[in-house]
Amino acid sequence: MAINKRKVQEINAGSMADIAFLLLIFFLVATTMNVDTGLARMLPPLPPENQKTEDIKVKERNLLLVLINGAGQIMAGTQGNQELIDLHMLKDKTKEFILNPYDDANLPEKEDTEIALPDGGTWVYPVSKGVVSLQTTRDTNYQSYIMVQNELTRAFNEVRDEVAMRRFGSKFSELSDDERKVIVEAVPNAISEAEPRNIKK
């Protein structure tokens, strides 16, 4: 008895490569890529070649040392007076350091500086000579570093807002470009980032 076998038709796979290519193009065009973001920091200009190294040194009272260790702990204070502090206390400590409201001899000096105003006049403001030095160890994690950076930046932004309100009656973000330049000159964002260092256990 003869068995009737039906022939199964082969699928034409010649156009499969074209379809796969079209799908690939579609997904490349339709998907959005995450863009890496970073911290906006303007590097200071290079010092003149004839400037002596001794001239760059900062007085101890004008330097707030902030150290983040590998465990995420924060030590802050002037040289020899550093103490462990909580992240949420860092902003207020930094603001007190920048402003030195009671002219404390252990906090930064202030220098009366004549600043040109947009209307052609001048304004004398006691500009702080304080510098915040942020230091990390080799095993400091990135999240701790970013959180500390945010608190330091927030301290400077709040001081700028306060000075802008006193001078122009508006927050720093609401000022014109010329008015912002005045506030930036009065409250420079003096954050220095030292090279990470190893701490002996």
N, C-alpha and C. Protein backbone atom coordinates (compact mmCIF):
# COMPACT_ATOMS: atom_id res chain seq x y z
N MET A 1 0.85 -1.18 0.00
CA MET A 1 0.00 0.00 0.00
C MET A 1 0.90 1.24 0.00
N ALA A 2 0.68 2.13 -0.93
CA ALA A 2 1.52 3.33 -1.08
C ALA A 2 1.04 4.43 -0.14
N ILE A 3 2.02 5.03 0.61
CA ILE A 3 1.69 6.13 1.54
C ILE A 3 1.85 7.44 0.80
N ASN A 4 0.79 8.25 0.90
CA ASN A 4 0.81 9.54 0.21
C ASN A 4 1.47 10.58 1.10
N LYS A 5 2.68 10.92 0.82
CA LYS A 5 3.39 11.92 1.64
C LYS A 5 3.25 13.28 0.97
N ARG A 6 2.76 14.21 1.77
CA ARG A 6 2.65 15.58 1.23
C ARG A 6 3.96 16.31 1.48
N LYS A 7 4.41 16.97 0.50
CA LYS A 7 5.67 17.69 0.59
C LYS A 7 5.46 19.00 1.36
N VAL A 8 6.23 19.19 2.44
CA VAL A 8 6.15 20.44 3.22
C VAL A 8 6.93 21.52 2.49
N GLN A 9 6.26 22.64 2.29
CA GLN A 9 6.93 23.72 1.57
C GLN A 9 7.97 24.41 2.46
N GLU A 10 9.09 24.73 1.89
CA GLU A 10 10.15 25.42 2.63
C GLU A 10 9.82 26.91 2.72
N ILE A 11 10.17 27.47 3.90
CA ILE A 11 9.94 28.91 4.10
C ILE A 11 11.10 29.67 3.45
N ASN A 12 10.75 30.66 2.70
CA ASN A 12 11.78 31.47 2.04
C ASN A 12 12.40 32.42 3.07
N ALA A 13 13.63 32.15 3.46
CA ALA A 13 14.31 32.95 4.50
C ALA A 13 15.21 34.02 3.90
N GLY A 14 15.07 34.24 2.63
CA GLY A 14 15.94 35.21 1.96
C GLY A 14 15.76 36.62 2.47
N SER A 15 14.53 36.98 2.87
CA SER A 15 14.27 38.36 3.30
C SER A 15 14.38 38.54 4.81
N MET A 16 14.71 37.47 5.56
CA MET A 16 14.81 37.58 7.02
C MET A 16 15.91 38.55 7.45
N ALA A 17 17.00 38.55 6.74
CA ALA A 17 18.10 39.47 7.07
C ALA A 17 17.65 40.92 6.89
N ASP A 18 16.87 41.16 5.83
CA ASP A 18 16.38 42.53 5.60
C ASP A 18 15.44 42.96 6.71
N ILE A 19 14.58 42.06 7.15
CA ILE A 19 13.63 42.38 8.22
C ILE A 19 14.38 42.66 9.53
N ALA A 20 15.37 41.82 9.84
CA ALA A 20 16.17 42.02 11.06
C ALA A 20 16.89 43.36 11.01
N PHE A 21 17.41 43.72 9.84
CA PHE A 21 18.11 44.99 9.69
C PHE A 21 17.15 46.17 9.90
N LEU A 22 15.95 46.07 9.34
CA LEU A 22 14.95 47.13 9.51
C LEU A 22 14.53 47.28 10.97
N LEU A 23 14.36 46.14 11.67
CA LEU A 23 14.01 46.20 13.09
C LEU A 23 15.12 46.85 13.91
N LEU A 24 16.35 46.53 13.59
CA LEU A 24 17.50 47.12 14.28
C LEU A 24 17.51 48.63 14.10
N ILE A 25 17.31 49.08 12.86
CA ILE A 25 17.28 50.53 12.58
C ILE A 25 16.13 51.18 13.35
N PHE A 26 14.97 50.52 13.38
CA PHE A 26 13.81 51.08 14.09
C PHE A 26 14.12 51.29 15.58
N PHE A 27 14.72 50.26 16.22
CA PHE A 27 15.01 50.37 17.65
C PHE A 27 16.10 51.41 17.94
N LEU A 28 17.06 51.53 17.04
CA LEU A 28 18.10 52.56 17.23
C LEU A 28 17.52 53.96 17.16
N VAL A 29 16.55 54.15 16.25
CA VAL A 29 15.95 55.47 16.08
C VAL A 29 14.93 55.76 17.19
N ALA A 30 14.18 54.74 17.59
CA ALA A 30 13.07 54.94 18.54
C ALA A 30 13.52 55.03 19.99
N THR A 31 14.65 54.39 20.35
CA THR A 31 15.08 54.40 21.76
C THR A 31 15.90 55.64 22.08
N THR A 32 15.78 56.06 23.33
CA THR A 32 16.59 57.20 23.79
C THR A 32 17.76 56.67 24.59
N MET A 33 18.88 57.33 24.46
CA MET A 33 20.10 56.93 25.17
C MET A 33 20.26 57.81 26.41
N ASN A 34 20.67 57.20 27.50
CA ASN A 34 20.97 57.97 28.70
C ASN A 34 22.28 58.72 28.50
N VAL A 35 22.26 60.00 28.82
CA VAL A 35 23.46 60.82 28.67
C VAL A 35 24.15 60.90 30.02
N ASP A 36 25.44 60.65 30.05
CA ASP A 36 26.20 60.75 31.31
C ASP A 36 26.19 62.19 31.78
N THR A 37 25.92 62.35 33.05
CA THR A 37 25.92 63.70 33.61
C THR A 37 27.06 63.82 34.61
N GLY A 38 27.50 65.01 34.83
CA GLY A 38 28.60 65.24 35.77
C GLY A 38 28.37 66.52 36.54
N LEU A 39 29.34 66.89 37.33
CA LEU A 39 29.25 68.12 38.11
C LEU A 39 29.84 69.27 37.31
N ALA A 40 29.14 70.37 37.31
CA ALA A 40 29.65 71.54 36.60
C ALA A 40 30.68 72.22 37.48
N ARG A 41 31.90 72.19 37.06
CA ARG A 41 32.98 72.82 37.81
C ARG A 41 33.87 73.59 36.86
N MET A 42 34.16 74.83 37.20
CA MET A 42 35.07 75.62 36.39
C MET A 42 36.44 75.58 37.06
N LEU A 43 37.43 75.10 36.32
CA LEU A 43 38.77 75.01 36.88
C LEU A 43 39.38 76.40 37.00
N PRO A 44 40.16 76.64 38.04
CA PRO A 44 40.79 77.95 38.18
C PRO A 44 41.86 78.14 37.13
N PRO A 45 42.14 79.40 36.75
CA PRO A 45 43.18 79.62 35.75
C PRO A 45 44.55 79.25 36.30
N LEU A 46 45.48 78.92 35.41
CA LEU A 46 46.84 78.59 35.83
C LEU A 46 47.51 79.83 36.43
N PRO A 47 48.28 79.66 37.50
CA PRO A 47 48.96 80.82 38.09
C PRO A 47 50.07 81.29 37.16
N PRO A 48 50.44 82.57 37.25
CA PRO A 48 51.52 83.07 36.40
C PRO A 48 52.81 82.30 36.65
N GLU A 49 53.65 82.20 35.61
CA GLU A 49 54.89 81.43 35.71
C GLU A 49 55.85 81.99 36.76
N ASN A 50 55.83 83.32 36.93
CA ASN A 50 56.76 83.94 37.87
C ASN A 50 56.23 83.97 39.32
N GLN A 51 55.04 83.39 39.54
CA GLN A 51 54.48 83.38 40.90
C GLN A 51 55.19 82.33 41.75
N LYS A 52 55.58 82.74 42.96
CA LYS A 52 56.28 81.82 43.86
C LYS A 52 55.29 80.85 44.50
N THR A 53 55.76 79.66 44.82
CA THR A 53 54.92 78.64 45.44
C THR A 53 54.40 79.12 46.79
N GLU A 54 55.20 79.88 47.52
CA GLU A 54 54.81 80.33 48.85
C GLU A 54 53.57 81.22 48.79
N ASP A 55 53.38 81.93 47.65
CA ASP A 55 52.26 82.86 47.54
C ASP A 55 50.91 82.14 47.48
N ILE A 56 50.92 80.86 47.11
CA ILE A 56 49.68 80.10 46.92
C ILE A 56 49.17 79.55 48.25
N LYS A 57 50.02 79.51 49.27
CA LYS A 57 49.64 78.94 50.56
C LYS A 57 48.49 79.73 51.17
N VAL A 58 47.58 79.00 51.85
CA VAL A 58 46.42 79.61 52.49
C VAL A 58 46.60 79.51 54.00
N LYS A 59 46.26 80.59 54.71
CA LYS A 59 46.35 80.56 56.17
C LYS A 59 45.43 79.48 56.72
N GLU A 60 45.84 78.87 57.82
CA GLU A 60 45.06 77.77 58.41
C GLU A 60 43.63 78.19 58.73
N ARG A 61 43.43 79.38 59.23
CA ARG A 61 42.09 79.84 59.60
C ARG A 61 41.20 80.03 58.38
N ASN A 62 41.81 80.19 57.20
CA ASN A 62 41.05 80.40 55.97
C ASN A 62 40.75 79.10 55.23
N LEU A 63 41.08 77.97 55.82
CA LEU A 63 40.93 76.69 55.13
C LEU A 63 40.03 75.75 55.94
N LEU A 64 38.90 75.36 55.33
CA LEU A 64 38.01 74.37 55.94
C LEU A 64 38.30 73.03 55.27
N LEU A 65 38.86 72.10 56.04
CA LEU A 65 39.20 70.78 55.51
C LEU A 65 38.00 69.85 55.67
N VAL A 66 37.59 69.24 54.57
CA VAL A 66 36.49 68.26 54.59
C VAL A 66 37.04 66.96 54.02
N LEU A 67 37.10 65.93 54.86
CA LEU A 67 37.66 64.64 54.46
C LEU A 67 36.57 63.58 54.50
N ILE A 68 36.45 62.80 53.39
CA ILE A 68 35.52 61.66 53.35
C ILE A 68 36.36 60.39 53.32
N ASN A 69 36.13 59.50 54.29
CA ASN A 69 36.90 58.25 54.29
C ASN A 69 36.14 57.14 53.56
N GLY A 70 36.73 55.96 53.51
CA GLY A 70 36.15 54.84 52.78
C GLY A 70 34.83 54.37 53.33
N ALA A 71 34.57 54.63 54.62
CA ALA A 71 33.31 54.21 55.25
C ALA A 71 32.21 55.26 55.05
N GLY A 72 32.53 56.35 54.36
CA GLY A 72 31.54 57.41 54.13
C GLY A 72 31.44 58.40 55.27
N GLN A 73 32.35 58.30 56.26
CA GLN A 73 32.33 59.24 57.38
C GLN A 73 32.98 60.56 56.95
N ILE A 74 32.47 61.64 57.52
CA ILE A 74 32.94 62.98 57.14
C ILE A 74 33.59 63.65 58.34
N MET A 75 34.80 64.15 58.12
CA MET A 75 35.48 64.97 59.12
C MET A 75 35.62 66.37 58.55
N ALA A 76 35.26 67.37 59.33
CA ALA A 76 35.33 68.73 58.84
C ALA A 76 35.81 69.66 59.94
N GLY A 77 36.52 70.70 59.54
CA GLY A 77 37.02 71.70 60.48
C GLY A 77 38.31 72.30 59.97
N THR A 78 38.81 73.29 60.72
CA THR A 78 40.09 73.88 60.36
C THR A 78 41.21 72.93 60.79
N GLN A 79 42.41 73.18 60.31
CA GLN A 79 43.56 72.32 60.61
C GLN A 79 43.72 72.11 62.11
N GLY A 80 43.72 70.85 62.54
CA GLY A 80 43.88 70.52 63.96
C GLY A 80 42.58 70.54 64.75
N ASN A 81 41.50 71.07 64.16
CA ASN A 81 40.20 71.14 64.85
C ASN A 81 39.12 70.38 64.10
N GLN A 82 39.51 69.35 63.38
CA GLN A 82 38.53 68.58 62.62
C GLN A 82 37.77 67.63 63.53
N GLU A 83 36.49 67.42 63.23
CA GLU A 83 35.66 66.52 64.02
C GLU A 83 34.72 65.77 63.09
N LEU A 84 34.30 64.58 63.55
CA LEU A 84 33.31 63.80 62.79
C LEU A 84 31.98 64.53 62.83
N ILE A 85 31.37 64.73 61.66
CA ILE A 85 30.06 65.38 61.62
C ILE A 85 29.13 64.60 60.70
N ASP A 86 27.84 64.81 60.90
CA ASP A 86 26.83 64.19 60.06
C ASP A 86 26.73 64.99 58.76
N LEU A 87 26.34 64.30 57.68
CA LEU A 87 26.21 64.96 56.37
C LEU A 87 25.29 66.17 56.44
N HIS A 88 24.19 66.06 57.21
CA HIS A 88 23.21 67.14 57.26
C HIS A 88 23.71 68.36 58.02
N MET A 89 24.79 68.22 58.78
CA MET A 89 25.37 69.36 59.50
C MET A 89 26.39 70.10 58.64
N LEU A 90 26.83 69.48 57.54
CA LEU A 90 27.92 70.03 56.74
C LEU A 90 27.55 71.35 56.08
N LYS A 91 26.32 71.47 55.61
CA LYS A 91 25.90 72.70 54.93
C LYS A 91 25.97 73.90 55.89
N ASP A 92 25.42 73.72 57.11
CA ASP A 92 25.42 74.82 58.07
C ASP A 92 26.83 75.17 58.53
N LYS A 93 27.66 74.16 58.71
CA LYS A 93 29.06 74.41 59.12
C LYS A 93 29.80 75.19 58.03
N THR A 94 29.53 74.83 56.77
CA THR A 94 30.17 75.52 55.64
C THR A 94 29.69 76.96 55.54
N LYS A 95 28.39 77.17 55.73
CA LYS A 95 27.84 78.54 55.68
C LYS A 95 28.45 79.41 56.77
N GLU A 96 28.57 78.86 57.98
CA GLU A 96 29.17 79.61 59.08
C GLU A 96 30.62 79.96 58.75
N PHE A 97 31.32 79.00 58.11
CA PHE A 97 32.71 79.22 57.73
C PHE A 97 32.82 80.34 56.70
N ILE A 98 31.94 80.32 55.69
CA ILE A 98 31.99 81.34 54.63
C ILE A 98 31.67 82.73 55.17
N LEU A 99 30.62 82.81 55.98
CA LEU A 99 30.12 84.12 56.43
C LEU A 99 30.90 84.69 57.61
N ASN A 100 31.38 83.80 58.52
CA ASN A 100 32.04 84.24 59.76
C ASN A 100 31.28 85.44 60.36
N PRO A 101 30.01 85.23 60.74
CA PRO A 101 29.15 86.36 61.13
C PRO A 101 29.63 87.12 62.36
N TYR A 102 30.36 86.46 63.27
CA TYR A 102 30.80 87.12 64.50
C TYR A 102 32.28 87.48 64.47
N ASP A 103 32.88 87.47 63.28
CA ASP A 103 34.30 87.78 63.12
C ASP A 103 35.18 86.98 64.08
N ASP A 104 34.92 85.70 64.13
CA ASP A 104 35.68 84.77 64.97
C ASP A 104 37.11 84.69 64.45
N ALA A 105 38.08 84.75 65.36
CA ALA A 105 39.50 84.71 64.97
C ALA A 105 39.91 83.34 64.43
N ASN A 106 39.09 82.30 64.67
CA ASN A 106 39.39 80.96 64.16
C ASN A 106 38.75 80.68 62.80
N LEU A 107 37.93 81.62 62.34
CA LEU A 107 37.26 81.47 61.04
C LEU A 107 37.89 82.43 60.03
N PRO A 108 37.55 82.31 58.75
CA PRO A 108 38.26 83.07 57.71
C PRO A 108 38.24 84.58 57.86
N GLU A 109 39.31 85.17 57.36
CA GLU A 109 39.40 86.62 57.28
C GLU A 109 38.46 87.11 56.19
N LYS A 110 38.08 88.38 56.29
CA LYS A 110 37.26 89.00 55.25
C LYS A 110 37.98 90.26 54.77
N GLU A 111 37.88 90.49 53.48
CA GLU A 111 38.55 91.66 52.91
C GLU A 111 37.51 92.53 52.22
N ASP A 112 37.42 93.81 52.65
CA ASP A 112 36.48 94.74 52.02
C ASP A 112 36.89 94.94 50.57
N THR A 113 35.99 94.57 49.66
CA THR A 113 36.28 94.63 48.22
C THR A 113 35.27 95.53 47.54
N GLU A 114 35.77 96.41 46.67
CA GLU A 114 34.90 97.31 45.92
C GLU A 114 34.45 96.59 44.65
N ILE A 115 33.13 96.38 44.52
CA ILE A 115 32.57 95.63 43.39
C ILE A 115 31.75 96.59 42.53
N ALA A 116 32.00 96.55 41.21
CA ALA A 116 31.26 97.41 40.28
C ALA A 116 29.84 96.88 40.09
N LEU A 117 28.87 97.80 40.17
CA LEU A 117 27.46 97.44 40.00
C LEU A 117 27.00 97.70 38.56
N PRO A 118 25.94 97.04 38.11
CA PRO A 118 25.46 97.22 36.74
C PRO A 118 25.03 98.66 36.42
N ASP A 119 24.58 99.42 37.46
CA ASP A 119 24.14 100.79 37.20
C ASP A 119 25.29 101.80 37.17
N GLY A 120 26.53 101.30 37.28
CA GLY A 120 27.69 102.18 37.22
C GLY A 120 28.25 102.55 38.58
N GLY A 121 27.52 102.26 39.64
CA GLY A 121 28.00 102.55 40.99
C GLY A 121 28.92 101.45 41.49
N THR A 122 29.33 101.59 42.74
CA THR A 122 30.18 100.56 43.36
C THR A 122 29.57 100.13 44.69
N TRP A 123 29.97 98.94 45.11
CA TRP A 123 29.47 98.36 46.35
C TRP A 123 30.64 97.73 47.08
N VAL A 124 30.83 98.11 48.33
CA VAL A 124 31.91 97.54 49.13
C VAL A 124 31.34 96.39 49.94
N TYR A 125 31.89 95.19 49.73
CA TYR A 125 31.40 93.99 50.42
C TYR A 125 32.57 93.24 51.04
N PRO A 126 32.42 92.75 52.30
CA PRO A 126 33.51 91.99 52.93
C PRO A 126 33.57 90.56 52.36
N VAL A 127 34.43 90.36 51.38
CA VAL A 127 34.54 89.06 50.71
C VAL A 127 35.39 88.12 51.57
N SER A 128 34.87 86.92 51.79
CA SER A 128 35.58 85.93 52.60
C SER A 128 36.79 85.38 51.86
N LYS A 129 37.88 85.20 52.61
CA LYS A 129 39.08 84.58 52.03
C LYS A 129 39.07 83.07 52.24
N GLY A 130 37.95 82.55 52.74
CA GLY A 130 37.84 81.13 53.06
C GLY A 130 37.82 80.23 51.83
N VAL A 131 38.48 79.09 51.97
CA VAL A 131 38.51 78.07 50.91
C VAL A 131 38.12 76.74 51.55
N VAL A 132 37.20 76.02 50.90
CA VAL A 132 36.81 74.69 51.37
C VAL A 132 37.64 73.67 50.59
N SER A 133 38.42 72.87 51.31
CA SER A 133 39.27 71.86 50.68
C SER A 133 38.63 70.49 50.88
N LEU A 134 38.13 69.91 49.78
CA LEU A 134 37.48 68.60 49.83
C LEU A 134 38.52 67.52 49.51
N GLN A 135 38.70 66.59 50.45
CA GLN A 135 39.68 65.52 50.27
C GLN A 135 39.00 64.17 50.43
N THR A 136 39.48 63.20 49.68
CA THR A 136 38.94 61.84 49.75
C THR A 136 40.09 60.85 49.91
N THR A 137 39.75 59.64 50.32
CA THR A 137 40.74 58.56 50.34
C THR A 137 40.52 57.73 49.08
N ARG A 138 41.45 56.81 48.81
CA ARG A 138 41.36 56.00 47.59
C ARG A 138 40.11 55.12 47.57
N ASP A 139 39.60 54.77 48.75
CA ASP A 139 38.45 53.86 48.80
C ASP A 139 37.13 54.59 49.08
N THR A 140 37.11 55.92 48.97
CA THR A 140 35.86 56.67 49.12
C THR A 140 34.93 56.32 47.97
N ASN A 141 33.68 55.99 48.30
CA ASN A 141 32.77 55.64 47.21
C ASN A 141 32.18 56.90 46.58
N TYR A 142 31.77 56.76 45.33
CA TYR A 142 31.32 57.89 44.52
C TYR A 142 30.06 58.53 45.09
N GLN A 143 29.15 57.73 45.64
CA GLN A 143 27.90 58.26 46.17
C GLN A 143 28.16 59.21 47.35
N SER A 144 29.07 58.82 48.24
CA SER A 144 29.41 59.70 49.37
C SER A 144 30.02 61.00 48.88
N TYR A 145 30.89 60.89 47.89
CA TYR A 145 31.54 62.07 47.32
C TYR A 145 30.51 63.04 46.73
N ILE A 146 29.55 62.50 45.95
CA ILE A 146 28.52 63.35 45.33
C ILE A 146 27.64 64.00 46.39
N MET A 147 27.28 63.25 47.42
CA MET A 147 26.42 63.80 48.47
C MET A 147 27.12 64.95 49.21
N VAL A 148 28.41 64.80 49.48
CA VAL A 148 29.17 65.87 50.14
C VAL A 148 29.30 67.08 49.21
N GLN A 149 29.59 66.82 47.94
CA GLN A 149 29.67 67.90 46.95
C GLN A 149 28.37 68.69 46.91
N ASN A 150 27.24 67.98 46.92
CA ASN A 150 25.93 68.65 46.88
C ASN A 150 25.73 69.56 48.08
N GLU A 151 26.12 69.08 49.27
CA GLU A 151 25.95 69.88 50.49
C GLU A 151 26.83 71.13 50.45
N LEU A 152 28.07 70.99 49.97
CA LEU A 152 28.97 72.14 49.89
C LEU A 152 28.43 73.16 48.89
N THR A 153 27.99 72.67 47.73
CA THR A 153 27.44 73.57 46.70
C THR A 153 26.18 74.25 47.21
N ARG A 154 25.34 73.50 47.95
CA ARG A 154 24.11 74.06 48.51
C ARG A 154 24.42 75.18 49.50
N ALA A 155 25.50 75.01 50.28
CA ALA A 155 25.89 76.05 51.24
C ALA A 155 26.24 77.35 50.51
N PHE A 156 27.06 77.24 49.46
CA PHE A 156 27.45 78.44 48.70
C PHE A 156 26.23 79.06 48.01
N ASN A 157 25.33 78.22 47.49
CA ASN A 157 24.12 78.74 46.81
C ASN A 157 23.22 79.48 47.79
N GLU A 158 23.09 78.96 49.01
CA GLU A 158 22.24 79.63 50.01
C GLU A 158 22.83 80.96 50.44
N VAL A 159 24.16 81.00 50.58
CA VAL A 159 24.82 82.27 50.94
C VAL A 159 24.61 83.28 49.81
N ARG A 160 24.74 82.82 48.56
CA ARG A 160 24.52 83.72 47.42
C ARG A 160 23.09 84.23 47.40
N ASP A 161 22.13 83.36 47.71
CA ASP A 161 20.72 83.78 47.76
C ASP A 161 20.52 84.86 48.82
N GLU A 162 21.11 84.66 49.99
CA GLU A 162 20.96 85.62 51.09
C GLU A 162 21.57 86.98 50.73
N VAL A 163 22.77 86.95 50.14
CA VAL A 163 23.44 88.20 49.76
C VAL A 163 22.65 88.88 48.63
N ALA A 164 22.15 88.10 47.68
CA ALA A 164 21.37 88.65 46.56
C ALA A 164 20.08 89.29 47.06
N MET A 165 19.43 88.67 48.05
CA MET A 165 18.20 89.24 48.61
C MET A 165 18.48 90.57 49.30
N ARG A 166 19.61 90.63 50.03
CA ARG A 166 19.96 91.89 50.72
C ARG A 166 20.33 92.99 49.73
N ARG A 167 21.03 92.62 48.66
CA ARG A 167 21.53 93.63 47.71
C ARG A 167 20.49 94.01 46.66
N PHE A 168 19.84 93.00 46.06
CA PHE A 168 18.95 93.27 44.93
C PHE A 168 17.48 92.93 45.19
N GLY A 169 17.18 92.31 46.34
CA GLY A 169 15.79 91.99 46.66
C GLY A 169 15.24 90.78 45.93
N SER A 170 16.12 89.97 45.31
CA SER A 170 15.69 88.76 44.60
C SER A 170 16.70 87.65 44.84
N LYS A 171 16.25 86.41 44.64
CA LYS A 171 17.17 85.27 44.77
C LYS A 171 18.17 85.29 43.62
N PHE A 172 19.29 84.59 43.83
CA PHE A 172 20.38 84.57 42.85
C PHE A 172 19.89 84.09 41.48
N SER A 173 19.04 83.07 41.45
CA SER A 173 18.56 82.51 40.18
C SER A 173 17.65 83.46 39.41
N GLU A 174 17.09 84.45 40.11
CA GLU A 174 16.15 85.39 39.46
C GLU A 174 16.84 86.67 39.00
N LEU A 175 18.14 86.80 39.25
CA LEU A 175 18.87 88.01 38.88
C LEU A 175 19.23 88.03 37.40
N SER A 176 19.54 89.21 36.90
CA SER A 176 20.06 89.33 35.53
C SER A 176 21.52 88.86 35.52
N ASP A 177 22.07 88.66 34.33
CA ASP A 177 23.46 88.19 34.21
C ASP A 177 24.44 89.14 34.89
N ASP A 178 24.24 90.45 34.71
CA ASP A 178 25.14 91.44 35.31
C ASP A 178 25.06 91.42 36.83
N GLU A 179 23.85 91.26 37.36
CA GLU A 179 23.68 91.21 38.81
C GLU A 179 24.28 89.93 39.38
N ARG A 180 24.15 88.83 38.63
CA ARG A 180 24.76 87.57 39.09
C ARG A 180 26.28 87.70 39.19
N LYS A 181 26.89 88.39 38.25
CA LYS A 181 28.34 88.57 38.28
C LYS A 181 28.77 89.29 39.56
N VAL A 182 27.94 90.24 39.99
CA VAL A 182 28.22 90.99 41.23
C VAL A 182 28.22 90.03 42.42
N ILE A 183 27.19 89.18 42.50
CA ILE A 183 27.07 88.24 43.63
C ILE A 183 28.17 87.19 43.59
N VAL A 184 28.53 86.72 42.39
CA VAL A 184 29.60 85.73 42.27
C VAL A 184 30.92 86.32 42.73
N GLU A 185 31.13 87.61 42.47
CA GLU A 185 32.36 88.27 42.93
C GLU A 185 32.35 88.43 44.45
N ALA A 186 31.16 88.65 45.01
CA ALA A 186 31.04 88.82 46.46
C ALA A 186 31.14 87.49 47.19
N VAL A 187 30.60 86.43 46.56
CA VAL A 187 30.62 85.09 47.18
C VAL A 187 31.18 84.10 46.16
N PRO A 188 32.50 84.05 46.00
CA PRO A 188 33.07 83.09 45.05
C PRO A 188 32.90 81.65 45.53
N ASN A 189 32.71 80.74 44.58
CA ASN A 189 32.52 79.32 44.91
C ASN A 189 33.90 78.70 45.15
N ALA A 190 34.45 78.91 46.34
CA ALA A 190 35.84 78.52 46.65
C ALA A 190 35.90 77.10 47.19
N ILE A 191 35.75 76.12 46.29
CA ILE A 191 35.87 74.71 46.67
C ILE A 191 37.09 74.14 45.95
N SER A 192 38.05 73.68 46.72
CA SER A 192 39.26 73.08 46.15
C SER A 192 39.20 71.58 46.36
N GLU A 193 39.50 70.82 45.30
CA GLU A 193 39.45 69.36 45.41
C GLU A 193 40.86 68.81 45.33
N ALA A 194 41.34 68.30 46.45
CA ALA A 194 42.69 67.74 46.51
C ALA A 194 42.69 66.34 45.94
N GLU A 195 43.87 65.89 45.52
CA GLU A 195 44.01 64.53 45.00
C GLU A 195 43.72 63.52 46.11
N PRO A 196 42.98 62.43 45.79
CA PRO A 196 42.71 61.42 46.82
C PRO A 196 44.00 60.90 47.44
N ARG A 197 43.95 60.58 48.73
CA ARG A 197 45.17 60.14 49.41
C ARG A 197 44.91 58.84 50.18
N ASN A 198 45.96 58.11 50.44
CA ASN A 198 45.87 56.89 51.21
C ASN A 198 45.99 57.22 52.69
N ILE A 199 45.15 56.61 53.51
CA ILE A 199 45.21 56.80 54.95
C ILE A 199 45.72 55.50 55.56
N LYS A 200 46.79 55.59 56.35
CA LYS A 200 47.34 54.40 57.00
C LYS A 200 46.40 53.93 58.11
N LYS A 201 46.15 52.63 58.16
CA LYS A 201 45.28 52.06 59.19
C LYS A 201 46.06 51.79 60.46
